[in-house]
Structures are given as C-alpha cells and as structure tokens.
C-alpha cells in the first residue's frame, strides 16, 4: 500500500520511508516473503564499526611494522606478513565505510 503524504508538507521535510533507504530507492522488488517494515540493526552495526575500526587499524600497523623489520629467513615470512597486513587493511577500510554509511543513514532518519 503506498504511503500517503500531507501535500502541505514540503518534500524535504517529509520522513523518508525505509522502503527508500537505498541511494536510488528500493534495490529489489518485494517478493512478499520479507517483513513490510524490516529494519537493519543500525545500533549494532555502529557499535561493531566503532569497536573494530581501531582494532583492525592497529593490526594493520602492527603487521606493517613487523613486515618492514623482518629478515628473509624469519618465520613467518615477510610474504605471509604482507598478506596479513593487506587483510587487516581491507577490514579497516570495510569498517570505516560501514561506519560512514551507518552515520549517514542515522542522520537521515533523524530528520
């Protein structure tokens, strides 16, 4: 059922429904099996991003330092340490992007 708006309220002051929570609106057509007003747990995502962003950043810096100061015969090898550095860097980037997206969505829903 489409949502009805009071036409006297300007469009920029209307609450944005969750059905339009994407950048361009609904990504997929409803199949009818999902809840009509399903919401993601933004508070949990925010908490996880805030906790794990500094943790992954510290891991990235630690493995980068360890890689830079390892010798060719060391165990673990510098190649293994480089892989761990890149994995931690990727997870850091993922957590940072998720944090930005969650903060943007929470700010938009407060309006």
C-alpha atoms as a PDB file:
ATOM      1  CA  UNK A   1       0.000   0.000   0.000  1.00  0.00           C
ATOM      2  CA  UNK A   2       1.567   3.337  -0.970  1.00  0.00           C
ATOM      3  CA  UNK A   3       2.282   5.773   1.785  1.00  0.00           C
ATOM      4  CA  UNK A   4       0.191   8.948   1.768  1.00  0.00           C
ATOM      5  CA  UNK A   5       1.738  12.298   2.497  1.00  0.00           C
ATOM      6  CA  UNK A   6       0.165  15.518   3.574  1.00  0.00           C
ATOM      7  CA  UNK A   7       0.595  17.679   0.473  1.00  0.00           C
ATOM      8  CA  UNK A   8       1.039  20.793   2.609  1.00  0.00           C
ATOM      9  CA  UNK A   9       4.327  19.473   3.998  1.00  0.00           C
ATOM     10  CA  UNK A  10       7.293  20.306   1.751  1.00  0.00           C
ATOM     11  CA  UNK A  11       9.013  17.208   0.303  1.00  0.00           C
ATOM     12  CA  UNK A  12      12.329  17.910   2.055  1.00  0.00           C
ATOM     13  CA  UNK A  13      10.594  17.836   5.472  1.00  0.00           C
ATOM     14  CA  UNK A  14       8.795  14.513   4.976  1.00  0.00           C
ATOM     15  CA  UNK A  15      10.180  11.450   6.719  1.00  0.00           C
ATOM     16  CA  UNK A  16      11.954   9.108   4.335  1.00  0.00           C
ATOM     17  CA  UNK A  17      10.331   5.650   4.485  1.00  0.00           C
ATOM     18  CA  UNK A  18      12.568   2.606   4.903  1.00  0.00           C
ATOM     19  CA  UNK A  19      11.376   1.386   1.517  1.00  0.00           C
ATOM     20  CA  UNK A  20      13.522   4.152   0.017  1.00  0.00           C
ATOM     21  CA  UNK A  21      16.520   3.583   2.251  1.00  0.00           C
ATOM     22  CA  UNK A  22      18.893   2.956  -0.646  1.00  0.00           C
ATOM     23  CA  UNK A  23      20.705   5.648  -2.589  1.00  0.00           C
ATOM     24  CA  UNK A  24      18.335   5.275  -5.538  1.00  0.00           C
ATOM     25  CA  UNK A  25      15.433   3.688  -3.715  1.00  0.00           C
ATOM     26  CA  UNK A  26      14.408   0.068  -3.401  1.00  0.00           C
ATOM     27  CA  UNK A  27      17.089  -2.203  -4.814  1.00  0.00           C
ATOM     28  CA  UNK A  28      14.954  -5.276  -5.449  1.00  0.00           C
ATOM     29  CA  UNK A  29      11.278  -5.811  -5.988  1.00  0.00           C
ATOM     30  CA  UNK A  30       9.445  -7.149  -2.951  1.00  0.00           C
ATOM     31  CA  UNK A  31       8.740 -10.863  -3.128  1.00  0.00           C
ATOM     32  CA  UNK A  32       6.135 -10.741  -0.403  1.00  0.00           C
ATOM     33  CA  UNK A  33       8.029 -13.012   1.983  1.00  0.00           C
ATOM     34  CA  UNK A  34      10.016 -10.351   3.835  1.00  0.00           C
ATOM     35  CA  UNK A  35       8.506  -8.183   6.575  1.00  0.00           C
ATOM     36  CA  UNK A  36       6.990  -4.971   5.277  1.00  0.00           C
ATOM     37  CA  UNK A  37       8.872  -2.772   7.746  1.00  0.00           C
ATOM     38  CA  UNK A  38      12.101  -4.756   8.230  1.00  0.00           C
ATOM     39  CA  UNK A  39      14.907  -2.622   9.595  1.00  0.00           C
ATOM     40  CA  UNK A  40      18.608  -3.283   9.879  1.00  0.00           C
ATOM     41  CA  UNK A  41      20.196  -3.098  13.300  1.00  0.00           C
ATOM     42  CA  UNK A  42      21.987   0.222  12.835  1.00  0.00           C
ATOM     43  CA  UNK A  43      22.925   0.442  16.511  1.00  0.00           C
ATOM     44  CA  UNK A  44      24.708  -2.917  16.389  1.00  0.00           C
ATOM     45  CA  UNK A  45      26.452  -2.022  13.138  1.00  0.00           C
ATOM     46  CA  UNK A  46      27.558   1.277  14.676  1.00  0.00           C
ATOM     47  CA  UNK A  47      28.907  -0.484  17.763  1.00  0.00           C
ATOM     48  CA  UNK A  48      30.769  -3.094  15.709  1.00  0.00           C
ATOM     49  CA  UNK A  49      32.296  -0.451  13.432  1.00  0.00           C
ATOM     50  CA  UNK A  50      33.400   1.697  16.360  1.00  0.00           C
ATOM     51  CA  UNK A  51      34.973  -1.289  18.135  1.00  0.00           C
ATOM     52  CA  UNK A  52      36.628  -2.993  15.183  1.00  0.00           C
ATOM     53  CA  UNK A  53      37.849   0.027  13.188  1.00  0.00           C
ATOM     54  CA  UNK A  54      40.648   0.872  15.670  1.00  0.00           C
ATOM     55  CA  UNK A  55      41.352  -2.832  16.224  1.00  0.00           C
ATOM     56  CA  UNK A  56      41.868  -3.526  12.511  1.00  0.00           C
ATOM     57  CA  UNK A  57      43.850  -0.303  12.128  1.00  0.00           C
ATOM     58  CA  UNK A  58      46.165  -1.374  14.955  1.00  0.00           C
ATOM     59  CA  UNK A  59      46.529  -4.814  13.341  1.00  0.00           C
ATOM     60  CA  UNK A  60      47.394  -3.192  10.015  1.00  0.00           C
ATOM     61  CA  UNK A  61      50.063  -1.020  11.610  1.00  0.00           C
ATOM     62  CA  UNK A  62      51.483  -3.887  13.680  1.00  0.00           C
ATOM     63  CA  UNK A  63      51.763  -6.267  10.710  1.00  0.00           C
ATOM     64  CA  UNK A  64      53.173  -3.494   8.503  1.00  0.00           C
ATOM     65  CA  UNK A  65      55.875  -2.756  11.117  1.00  0.00           C
ATOM     66  CA  UNK A  66      56.623  -6.465  11.547  1.00  0.00           C
ATOM     67  CA  UNK A  67      56.862  -6.918   7.749  1.00  0.00           C
ATOM     68  CA  UNK A  68      59.204  -3.949   7.400  1.00  0.00           C
ATOM     69  CA  UNK A  69      61.560  -5.285  10.081  1.00  0.00           C
ATOM     70  CA  UNK A  70      61.599  -8.977   9.156  1.00  0.00           C
ATOM     71  CA  UNK A  71      64.590 -10.733   7.600  1.00  0.00           C
ATOM     72  CA  UNK A  72      64.424 -13.109   4.621  1.00  0.00           C
ATOM     73  CA  UNK A  73      64.862 -16.232   6.814  1.00  0.00           C
ATOM     74  CA  UNK A  74      62.342 -15.275   9.520  1.00  0.00           C
ATOM     75  CA  UNK A  75      59.257 -17.301  10.331  1.00  0.00           C
ATOM     76  CA  UNK A  76      56.600 -16.193   9.465  1.00  0.00           C
ATOM     77  CA  UNK A  77      57.922 -14.980   6.132  1.00  0.00           C
ATOM     78  CA  UNK A  78      57.606 -11.395   5.005  1.00  0.00           C
ATOM     79  CA  UNK A  79      55.162 -12.532   2.295  1.00  0.00           C
ATOM     80  CA  UNK A  80      52.852 -14.046   4.922  1.00  0.00           C
ATOM     81  CA  UNK A  81      53.069 -10.888   6.997  1.00  0.00           C
ATOM     82  CA  UNK A  82      52.310  -8.784   3.929  1.00  0.00           C
ATOM     83  CA  UNK A  83      49.154 -10.840   3.294  1.00  0.00           C
ATOM     84  CA  UNK A  84      48.073 -10.298   6.913  1.00  0.00           C
ATOM     85  CA  UNK A  85      48.774  -6.573   6.543  1.00  0.00           C
ATOM     86  CA  UNK A  86      46.615  -6.381   3.421  1.00  0.00           C
ATOM     87  CA  UNK A  87      43.788  -8.372   5.026  1.00  0.00           C
ATOM     88  CA  UNK A  88      43.774  -6.068   8.058  1.00  0.00           C
ATOM     89  CA  UNK A  89      43.909  -3.005   5.779  1.00  0.00           C
ATOM     90  CA  UNK A  90      40.908  -4.302   3.815  1.00  0.00           C
ATOM     91  CA  UNK A  91      38.951  -4.933   7.005  1.00  0.00           C
ATOM     92  CA  UNK A  92      39.889  -1.444   8.238  1.00  0.00           C
ATOM     93  CA  UNK A  93      38.568   0.066   5.015  1.00  0.00           C
ATOM     94  CA  UNK A  94      35.377  -2.010   5.242  1.00  0.00           C
ATOM     95  CA  UNK A  95      34.756  -0.942   8.856  1.00  0.00           C
ATOM     96  CA  UNK A  96      35.395   2.724   8.003  1.00  0.00           C
ATOM     97  CA  UNK A  97      32.995   2.665   5.046  1.00  0.00           C
ATOM     98  CA  UNK A  98      30.330   0.910   7.121  1.00  0.00           C
ATOM     99  CA  UNK A  99      30.750   3.485   9.899  1.00  0.00           C
ATOM    100  CA  UNK A 100      30.245   6.351   7.445  1.00  0.00           C
ATOM    101  CA  UNK A 101      27.186   4.694   5.899  1.00  0.00           C
ATOM    102  CA  UNK A 102      25.584   3.964   9.272  1.00  0.00           C
ATOM    103  CA  UNK A 103      26.159   7.525  10.479  1.00  0.00           C
ATOM    104  CA  UNK A 104      24.681   8.948   7.267  1.00  0.00           C
ATOM    105  CA  UNK A 105      21.597   6.718   7.481  1.00  0.00           C
ATOM    106  CA  UNK A 106      21.028   7.523  11.154  1.00  0.00           C
ATOM    107  CA  UNK A 107      21.313  11.251  10.425  1.00  0.00           C
ATOM    108  CA  UNK A 108      18.879  10.966   7.524  1.00  0.00           C
ATOM    109  CA  UNK A 109      16.350   9.058   9.647  1.00  0.00           C
ATOM    110  CA  UNK A 110      16.509  11.676  12.427  1.00  0.00           C
ATOM    111  CA  UNK A 111      15.343  14.378  10.010  1.00  0.00           C
END
